[in-house]
Protein backbone atom coordinates (compact mmCIF):
# COMPACT_ATOMS: atom_id res chain seq x y z
CA MET A 1 -15.32 13.69 8.61
CA ALA A 2 -15.82 15.83 5.56
CA ARG A 3 -14.50 14.51 2.26
CA ARG A 4 -11.58 16.45 0.80
CA THR A 5 -12.74 18.04 -2.46
CA GLY A 6 -9.47 19.13 -4.08
CA PHE A 7 -7.76 16.81 -6.57
CA LEU A 8 -4.63 17.49 -4.64
CA ALA A 9 -5.38 20.21 -2.16
CA THR A 10 -2.23 22.10 -1.38
CA VAL A 11 -1.70 22.57 2.36
CA THR A 12 -0.97 26.10 3.36
CA LEU A 13 2.76 26.68 3.76
CA VAL A 14 3.29 27.73 7.38
CA ALA A 15 7.06 27.20 7.94
CA ALA A 16 10.19 28.71 6.42
CA LEU A 17 12.64 26.57 4.39
CA GLY A 18 15.17 27.38 7.07
CA ALA A 19 13.88 24.43 9.00
CA LEU A 20 15.07 22.17 6.12
CA GLY A 21 18.43 24.02 5.66
CA SER A 22 20.38 20.83 6.51
CA LEU A 23 18.57 18.93 3.73
CA ALA A 24 20.25 20.89 0.92
CA PRO A 25 23.08 19.24 -0.98
CA ALA A 26 26.56 19.61 0.54
CA PRO A 27 28.69 22.45 -0.85
CA ALA A 28 31.13 21.87 -3.69
CA THR A 29 34.43 20.24 -2.93
CA ALA A 30 37.69 22.24 -2.80
CA GLY A 31 39.02 23.35 -6.13
CA ALA A 32 35.71 24.11 -7.66
CA THR A 33 35.31 27.45 -9.43
CA SER A 34 33.76 30.06 -7.10
CA PRO A 35 30.64 31.74 -8.37
CA ALA A 36 30.72 35.45 -9.29
CA PRO A 37 29.86 37.79 -6.44
CA GLY A 38 26.15 38.52 -6.14
CA PRO A 39 23.09 37.67 -4.13
CA ALA A 40 23.40 34.10 -2.70
CA ALA A 41 20.74 31.71 -3.97
CA ASP A 42 19.50 28.96 -1.77
CA PRO A 43 20.65 25.62 -3.13
CA PRO A 44 17.86 23.29 -4.18
CA PRO A 45 16.72 20.89 -1.35
CA ASP A 46 17.89 17.32 -1.42
CA PRO A 47 14.61 15.51 -2.33
CA ALA A 48 15.63 12.27 -0.62
CA ALA A 49 16.40 14.05 2.61
CA VAL A 50 13.17 16.03 2.42
CA ALA A 51 11.20 12.78 1.86
CA ALA A 52 13.00 11.21 4.78
CA ALA A 53 12.13 14.08 7.12
CA VAL A 54 8.45 14.01 6.13
CA GLU A 55 8.30 10.29 6.28
CA ARG A 56 9.74 10.33 9.81
CA ARG A 57 7.01 12.75 10.88
CA ALA A 58 4.07 11.29 9.00
CA GLY A 59 4.87 7.53 9.31
CA ALA A 60 2.22 5.41 7.51
CA ARG A 61 0.49 8.57 6.21
CA TYR A 62 3.46 9.44 4.01
CA GLY A 63 2.31 9.39 0.36
CA GLY A 64 5.51 9.79 -1.72
CA TYR A 65 6.97 12.92 -3.51
CA TRP A 66 7.92 14.38 -6.81
CA VAL A 67 10.21 17.21 -7.99
CA ASP A 68 8.89 19.84 -10.44
CA ASP A 69 10.88 21.63 -13.18
CA ASP A 70 11.81 24.47 -10.73
CA GLY A 71 13.33 22.07 -8.24
CA VAL A 72 10.50 22.39 -5.78
CA VAL A 73 9.89 19.18 -3.82
CA HIS A 74 6.25 18.23 -3.41
CA VAL A 75 5.31 15.66 -0.75
CA ASN A 76 2.04 13.93 -0.30
CA VAL A 77 0.72 13.18 3.20
CA VAL A 78 -2.62 11.75 4.18
CA GLU A 79 -4.42 14.28 6.36
CA PRO A 80 -1.25 16.21 7.23
CA SER A 81 -0.86 17.41 10.79
CA ALA A 82 0.51 20.62 12.10
CA ALA A 83 3.86 18.91 12.67
CA ASP A 84 3.85 17.71 9.00
CA ARG A 85 3.08 21.26 7.80
CA GLU A 86 6.11 22.64 9.69
CA LEU A 87 8.39 21.03 7.03
CA ALA A 88 6.90 23.12 4.30
CA GLY A 89 8.58 26.21 2.76
CA ASP A 90 9.38 28.04 -0.41
CA ARG A 91 11.10 24.96 -1.93
CA VAL A 92 9.03 22.29 -0.23
CA ARG A 93 5.31 21.88 -0.58
CA ILE A 94 3.07 19.52 1.46
CA HIS A 95 -0.10 18.19 -0.21
CA ASP A 96 -3.18 16.52 1.25
CA ALA A 97 -3.33 13.12 -0.50
CA ASP A 98 -5.92 10.37 -0.55
CA LEU A 99 -3.57 7.36 -0.36
CA SER A 100 -0.32 6.64 1.43
CA TYR A 101 2.72 5.34 -0.47
CA ASP A 102 2.21 1.84 0.88
CA GLN A 103 -1.43 1.92 -0.25
CA LEU A 104 -0.46 2.98 -3.77
CA VAL A 105 2.03 0.01 -3.92
CA ALA A 106 -0.77 -2.34 -2.74
CA ALA A 107 -3.09 -0.99 -5.39
CA ARG A 108 -0.45 -1.38 -8.09
CA ASP A 109 0.03 -4.98 -7.19
CA ALA A 110 -3.64 -5.71 -7.12
CA VAL A 111 -4.37 -3.97 -10.45
CA ALA A 112 -1.45 -5.64 -12.21
CA ALA A 113 -2.51 -9.10 -11.02
CA ALA A 114 -6.03 -8.52 -12.35
CA LEU A 115 -5.01 -7.62 -15.88
CA ASP A 116 -5.18 -10.32 -18.51
CA ARG A 117 -2.42 -10.06 -21.09
CA GLY A 118 -4.53 -12.03 -23.56
CA GLU A 119 -7.04 -9.10 -23.45
CA THR A 120 -4.60 -6.19 -23.02
CA GLY A 121 -1.44 -7.28 -24.73
CA ASN A 122 1.64 -5.93 -22.96
CA TYR A 123 0.90 -3.45 -20.13
CA THR A 124 2.33 -1.18 -17.44
CA VAL A 125 0.95 -0.23 -14.14
CA GLY A 126 2.81 2.60 -12.42
CA LEU A 127 2.51 4.76 -9.29
CA ASP A 128 1.17 8.21 -10.16
CA VAL A 129 2.24 9.91 -6.92
CA PRO A 130 1.33 13.55 -8.01
CA HIS A 131 -2.26 12.52 -8.44
CA SER A 132 -2.29 9.86 -5.53
CA GLY A 133 -3.28 7.24 -8.03
CA LEU A 134 -2.10 4.90 -10.74
CA THR A 135 -1.44 5.03 -14.49
CA VAL A 136 -2.29 2.00 -16.52
CA GLU A 137 -1.12 1.71 -20.13
CA THR A 138 -2.06 -1.27 -22.31
CA GLU A 139 -1.35 -2.18 -25.97
CA ARG A 140 -5.11 -2.84 -26.67
CA GLY A 141 -8.45 -3.17 -25.04
CA ASP A 142 -11.24 -0.83 -24.03
CA ALA A 143 -10.11 1.87 -21.65
CA ALA A 144 -13.36 2.19 -19.82
CA VAL A 145 -13.58 -1.57 -19.24
CA THR A 146 -9.93 -1.67 -18.06
CA ARG A 147 -10.58 1.18 -15.71
CA LEU A 148 -13.50 -0.52 -14.06
CA LEU A 149 -11.54 -3.82 -13.72
CA ALA A 150 -8.69 -1.99 -12.09
CA LEU A 151 -10.92 -0.13 -9.74
CA ASP A 152 -12.59 -3.38 -8.69
CA ALA A 153 -9.23 -5.01 -8.16
CA ALA A 154 -8.11 -2.12 -5.85
CA ARG A 155 -11.29 -2.35 -3.92
CA THR A 156 -10.94 -6.14 -3.54
CA ALA A 157 -7.45 -5.55 -2.10
CA ALA A 158 -9.07 -3.28 0.54
CA VAL A 159 -7.28 -0.21 -0.82
CA VAL A 160 -10.51 1.47 -1.64
CA PRO A 161 -13.43 1.22 0.78
CA ARG A 162 -16.25 -0.72 -0.75
CA SER A 163 -18.71 2.03 0.36
CA GLY A 164 -17.06 4.31 -2.26
CA ALA A 165 -14.68 7.17 -2.51
CA ASP A 166 -16.85 9.36 -0.28
CA ALA A 167 -16.00 7.13 2.71
CA PRO A 168 -13.71 8.42 5.48
CA GLY A 169 -10.07 8.26 4.32
CA GLY A 170 -11.03 8.51 0.63
CA GLY A 171 -9.53 6.06 -1.85
CA ILE A 172 -8.73 5.54 -5.51
CA SER A 173 -11.58 7.02 -7.62
CA LEU A 174 -12.11 6.58 -11.29
CA GLU A 175 -10.38 9.93 -11.81
CA ARG A 176 -7.23 8.68 -10.21
CA LEU A 177 -6.97 5.58 -12.45
CA ASN A 178 -5.47 7.00 -15.61
CA VAL A 179 -5.92 4.38 -18.31
CA LEU A 180 -4.28 4.67 -21.80
CA THR A 181 -4.71 2.16 -24.53
CA GLY A 182 -2.94 1.65 -27.81
CA SER A 183 0.54 2.03 -26.22
CA ARG A 184 3.53 0.17 -27.72
CA ILE A 185 5.45 -1.46 -24.83
CA GLY A 186 8.77 -3.21 -25.04
CA ILE A 187 11.55 -4.49 -22.71
CA VAL A 188 15.16 -4.98 -23.89
CA PRO A 189 17.68 -6.46 -21.36
CA LEU A 190 21.01 -4.57 -21.64
CA GLY A 191 23.50 -7.38 -21.40
CA ALA A 192 25.73 -7.88 -24.47
CA THR A 193 26.77 -11.05 -26.20
CA GLY A 194 29.90 -11.39 -28.28
CA ALA A 195 32.09 -8.28 -28.61
CA ALA A 196 31.62 -5.60 -25.98
CA GLY A 197 31.13 -2.90 -28.59
CA PRO A 198 32.19 0.81 -28.10
CA THR A 199 33.22 1.63 -24.62
CA GLY A 200 32.84 5.03 -22.95
CA PRO A 201 35.37 6.60 -20.48
CA ALA A 202 34.77 4.21 -17.59
CA GLY A 203 37.97 5.00 -15.66
CA PRO A 204 41.64 3.89 -15.87
CA THR A 205 41.18 0.35 -14.64
CA PRO A 206 37.63 -0.90 -15.14
CA THR A 207 39.00 -4.43 -15.90
CA ASP A 208 41.23 -4.80 -12.78
CA TYR A 209 40.27 -6.88 -9.75
CA PRO A 210 40.59 -6.80 -6.74
CA PRO A 211 39.36 -4.71 -5.12
CA TYR A 212 35.68 -5.11 -5.78
CA GLU A 213 33.88 -1.93 -7.06
CA ALA A 214 30.62 -1.13 -8.74
CA GLY A 215 31.10 -0.21 -12.42
CA LEU A 216 33.77 -2.79 -13.42
CA HIS A 217 33.52 -4.63 -16.77
CA LEU A 218 32.29 -8.12 -16.28
CA ARG A 219 32.33 -11.25 -18.46
CA VAL A 220 29.88 -14.06 -17.42
CA ASP A 221 30.70 -17.40 -19.00
CA SER A 222 28.38 -20.31 -19.28
CA ALA A 223 28.57 -23.49 -21.30
CA ASP A 224 26.81 -21.90 -24.29
CA ALA A 225 27.40 -18.15 -24.13
CA THR A 226 29.42 -15.31 -22.93
CA ILE A 227 27.49 -12.28 -21.66
CA ARG A 228 29.26 -8.88 -21.09
CA CYS A 229 27.76 -6.74 -18.28
CA THR A 230 28.78 -4.37 -15.48
CA SER A 231 29.29 -4.91 -11.83
CA GLY A 232 26.82 -3.43 -9.40
CA PHE A 233 26.94 -2.67 -5.68
CA ALA A 234 28.19 -5.11 -3.13
CA PHE A 235 25.83 -6.75 -0.60
CA THR A 236 26.40 -8.66 2.61
CA GLY A 237 24.42 -11.45 4.27
CA ALA A 238 24.63 -14.43 6.57
CA LEU A 239 26.72 -16.31 3.96
CA GLY A 240 29.21 -13.51 3.31
CA THR A 241 29.87 -10.63 0.96
CA PHE A 242 28.62 -10.63 -2.68
CA GLY A 243 29.15 -8.70 -5.78
CA SER A 244 26.19 -8.12 -8.03
CA THR A 245 25.15 -7.69 -11.59
CA ALA A 246 21.86 -8.07 -13.50
CA GLY A 247 20.26 -11.52 -13.17
CA HIS A 248 19.70 -11.85 -16.95
CA CYS A 249 23.48 -11.72 -17.34
CA GLY A 250 24.19 -15.19 -15.97
CA ARG A 251 22.73 -18.33 -14.45
CA VAL A 252 23.53 -19.94 -11.11
CA GLY A 253 26.99 -21.66 -11.61
CA ASP A 254 28.25 -19.37 -14.36
CA THR A 255 31.74 -17.98 -13.91
CA VAL A 256 32.10 -14.25 -13.46
CA ARG A 257 35.35 -12.48 -14.50
CA VAL A 258 36.73 -9.01 -14.43
CA GLY A 259 39.17 -8.87 -17.41
CA ASP A 260 41.04 -12.10 -17.14
CA THR A 261 40.60 -12.53 -13.35
CA VAL A 262 37.99 -15.00 -12.11
CA VAL A 263 35.95 -13.37 -9.38
CA GLY A 264 33.66 -16.30 -8.61
CA ARG A 265 30.54 -18.12 -9.69
CA VAL A 266 26.95 -16.91 -9.66
CA ALA A 267 25.54 -18.25 -6.35
CA ARG A 268 22.07 -16.55 -6.32
CA ASN A 269 19.83 -15.34 -9.10
CA THR A 270 16.52 -13.70 -8.35
CA PHE A 271 15.73 -13.28 -12.14
CA GLU A 272 16.31 -16.92 -12.86
CA SER A 273 14.26 -18.20 -9.87
CA ALA A 274 11.54 -15.60 -9.72
CA ARG A 275 7.90 -16.07 -10.62
CA SER A 276 6.36 -13.11 -12.37
CA PRO A 277 6.69 -10.30 -11.42
CA VAL A 278 10.47 -10.20 -11.11
CA ARG A 279 11.03 -7.75 -8.34
CA ALA A 280 14.84 -7.76 -8.62
CA ASP A 281 16.78 -8.62 -11.74
CA THR A 282 19.85 -9.55 -9.77
CA ALA A 283 22.65 -12.08 -9.72
CA LEU A 284 25.02 -12.45 -6.72
CA TYR A 285 28.53 -14.00 -6.68
CA PRO A 286 30.82 -14.28 -3.60
CA VAL A 287 33.72 -12.01 -3.17
CA PRO A 288 36.50 -12.38 -0.51
CA PRO A 289 35.87 -11.06 3.01
CA GLY A 290 36.85 -7.36 3.21
CA ALA A 291 36.75 -7.01 -0.59
CA ALA A 292 33.94 -4.43 -0.32
CA GLU A 293 34.73 -2.98 3.11
CA ASP A 294 35.18 0.49 1.52
CA ALA A 295 32.28 0.26 -0.95
CA VAL A 296 32.90 2.54 -3.92
CA VAL A 297 31.77 3.19 -7.47
CA HIS A 298 34.51 3.11 -10.05
CA GLY A 299 34.96 6.55 -11.60
CA GLN A 300 36.66 8.20 -14.55
CA SER A 301 39.05 10.27 -12.41
CA ALA A 302 38.17 9.34 -8.83
CA HIS A 303 36.36 6.72 -6.88
CA ARG A 304 33.15 7.68 -5.16
CA ARG A 305 32.25 6.23 -1.81
CA VAL A 306 28.86 4.62 -1.24
CA VAL A 307 27.15 6.44 1.69
CA GLY A 308 23.99 4.40 2.04
CA GLY A 309 21.04 3.50 -0.07
CA LEU A 310 17.77 5.05 -1.17
CA PRO A 311 14.60 3.24 -0.02
CA ASP A 312 11.90 2.97 -2.64
CA SER A 313 9.77 5.57 -0.93
CA ARG A 314 12.61 8.13 -1.21
CA ILE A 315 12.93 7.85 -5.02
CA GLY A 316 10.50 10.21 -6.61
CA MET A 317 9.53 11.50 -10.02
CA GLY A 318 11.82 14.27 -11.20
CA MET A 319 14.72 13.18 -8.92
CA ARG A 320 18.09 13.30 -10.66
CA LEU A 321 19.93 9.98 -10.74
CA CYS A 322 22.96 8.73 -12.66
CA PHE A 323 24.32 5.36 -13.88
CA ASP A 324 27.66 3.81 -14.95
CA GLY A 325 28.03 1.09 -17.52
CA ARG A 326 30.69 -0.62 -19.56
CA ALA A 327 29.29 0.71 -22.87
CA SER A 328 27.97 4.12 -21.74
CA GLY A 329 30.82 5.01 -19.37
CA THR A 330 30.33 7.01 -16.18
CA GLY A 331 28.08 9.76 -14.99
CA ASN A 332 25.06 9.26 -17.27
CA CYS A 333 22.38 11.26 -15.56
CA GLY A 334 18.67 11.93 -16.03
CA SER A 335 15.43 12.46 -14.18
CA VAL A 336 13.21 9.74 -12.78
CA ASP A 337 10.21 9.31 -15.06
CA ALA A 338 8.62 6.19 -13.65
CA VAL A 339 8.54 4.90 -10.02
CA GLY A 340 7.46 1.43 -8.89
CA ARG A 341 6.16 0.58 -12.36
CA GLN A 342 5.19 -2.99 -13.20
CA VAL A 343 5.95 -3.69 -16.89
CA CYS A 344 4.74 -6.79 -18.78
CA CYS A 345 6.20 -8.54 -20.56
CA ASP A 346 9.54 -9.73 -21.91
CA ALA A 347 10.00 -12.42 -24.54
CA GLU A 348 9.43 -15.11 -21.88
CA GLY A 349 6.19 -13.65 -20.63
CA ARG A 350 7.64 -12.22 -17.36
CA SER A 351 6.67 -8.86 -15.85
CA PHE A 352 9.09 -6.73 -13.89
CA ILE A 353 8.99 -4.07 -11.12
CA PHE A 354 11.13 -1.17 -12.33
CA THR A 355 11.94 2.42 -11.55
CA CYS A 356 13.24 4.33 -14.57
CA ILE A 357 15.00 7.53 -15.68
CA ASP A 358 14.77 9.47 -19.00
CA ARG A 359 18.29 8.59 -19.98
CA THR A 360 18.90 5.61 -22.38
CA ALA A 361 21.54 2.98 -21.75
CA ARG A 362 23.39 0.58 -24.08
CA ALA A 363 23.98 -3.14 -24.43
CA GLY A 364 26.68 -4.14 -21.85
CA ASP A 365 25.51 -1.67 -19.25
CA SER A 366 23.29 -4.24 -17.50
CA GLY A 367 24.02 -4.61 -13.74
CA GLY A 368 25.86 -1.28 -13.44
CA PRO A 369 25.28 1.03 -10.48
CA VAL A 370 22.40 3.58 -10.46
CA TYR A 371 22.93 6.27 -7.84
CA GLN A 372 22.32 9.83 -6.54
CA PRO A 373 25.47 11.94 -6.51
CA VAL A 374 26.09 13.63 -3.18
CA ALA A 375 29.21 15.81 -2.74
CA GLY A 376 31.76 13.46 -4.18
CA ALA A 377 30.00 10.33 -2.96
CA VAL A 378 26.85 8.41 -3.95
CA ARG A 379 23.73 7.07 -2.45
CA ALA A 380 22.88 3.71 -4.09
CA ALA A 381 19.47 3.60 -5.82
CA GLY A 382 19.76 0.29 -7.72
CA THR A 383 21.34 -1.68 -10.46
CA LEU A 384 20.63 -1.30 -14.15
CA SER A 385 18.43 -3.83 -15.92
CA SER A 386 16.70 -2.92 -19.22
CA SER A 387 15.60 -0.42 -21.73
CA VAL A 388 11.79 -0.02 -21.53
CA SER A 389 9.99 1.77 -24.26
CA VAL A 390 6.37 2.82 -23.60
CA ASP A 391 4.61 4.33 -26.64
CA GLY A 392 7.95 5.39 -28.10
CA ARG A 393 9.24 6.91 -24.87
CA PRO A 394 12.49 5.04 -24.04
CA SER A 395 13.91 4.91 -20.46
CA MET A 396 16.61 3.17 -18.59
CA CYS A 397 15.03 0.97 -15.96
CA PHE A 398 16.55 -0.62 -12.87
CA SER A 399 15.93 -2.86 -9.87
CA THR A 400 15.97 -0.82 -6.71
CA ILE A 401 18.12 -1.40 -3.62
CA ASP A 402 15.00 -2.07 -1.54
CA GLN A 403 13.82 -4.78 -4.01
CA ILE A 404 17.24 -6.34 -4.26
CA GLN A 405 17.68 -6.53 -0.45
CA ARG A 406 14.22 -8.08 0.05
CA ALA A 407 14.69 -10.61 -2.81
CA THR A 408 18.14 -11.69 -1.71
CA GLY A 409 17.98 -11.42 2.06
CA THR A 410 21.11 -9.25 2.02
CA GLN A 411 22.06 -5.65 2.94
CA LEU A 412 23.89 -3.01 0.92
CA ALA A 413 27.57 -3.07 1.76
CA GLY A 414 29.26 0.22 2.76
């Protein structure tokens, strides 16, 4: 089999976007202002739905996606078939990639485990889906040495064939390991101690409970501190229904309140119990049966129903996501600027698996819902954790729904 020579060879587009017409966002709700008469423009495709359609066709060959500045959705597939190509169109491009999404994740884990913080200082290892590779940023060290170490780690993990990048199926080559040194890297958890500080327009009753909703103002009391955070999505498991917030907001046994009403005590904390890396910065506390049957996100003027969650593979660079928090209010939106990035380290030396958007959050927003707006409802993406700054580029970073469900053994309610 001949080796593919293009960095990301674009597959010829052989199908009209009409095949993906059902993947566009739903039309505006009643009462919205009608556009002026004129030629109708096709709405941008829903990237999560495009990714889902391609992933169903490609299976393990699916390589992730990204959205460009023009709203075009680019999807990677390893050796795309004719059936995969049928999903391409004017607003959807299919690219021939070297590695699948799962292989990129495995390579990230292997490379991050091989880095020595004593040599590199703080570091990040993130998925670089557009280039079917990884981006490694470190505070110090020699870039060439780090690149060779990372490549060897990926090969040891069997992500790259030991016979080299020219072997059938390709693999991560030196060119696909982008290594940057001299970056300043910091993690700031976004819980707030003491006074809550300024509060944005978070709806008429963000301190009323019940019912349970994502986006309520929480107070988590322990013997030595009070932390103010935000409620996240509800989850269900064998032991019942649970509300959520960020794990760094409270320890197991701490009391969770909405306003003056006690909700319960923290029963599970994947931040407190996790070894590095922390894959989900999440605390769960029980809520009464039926409290989250109609799972919603608390809104400024209307509640928004939760209509499912976004798997990690369907959150891509450039996707538009929003978050709510007790300090920032509702509807704070931005574009995903990092997916599946491992960041090291916080003040305790822990690393985290985060996905991030280019909109900053404030102290007190921790635990709040991160979501994709869809026609008056939301798809759950995750819960807010921290502000991460990489070489002066600040982002709001969150634990994804996939990671929370795996770490806690629960399922998103709704």
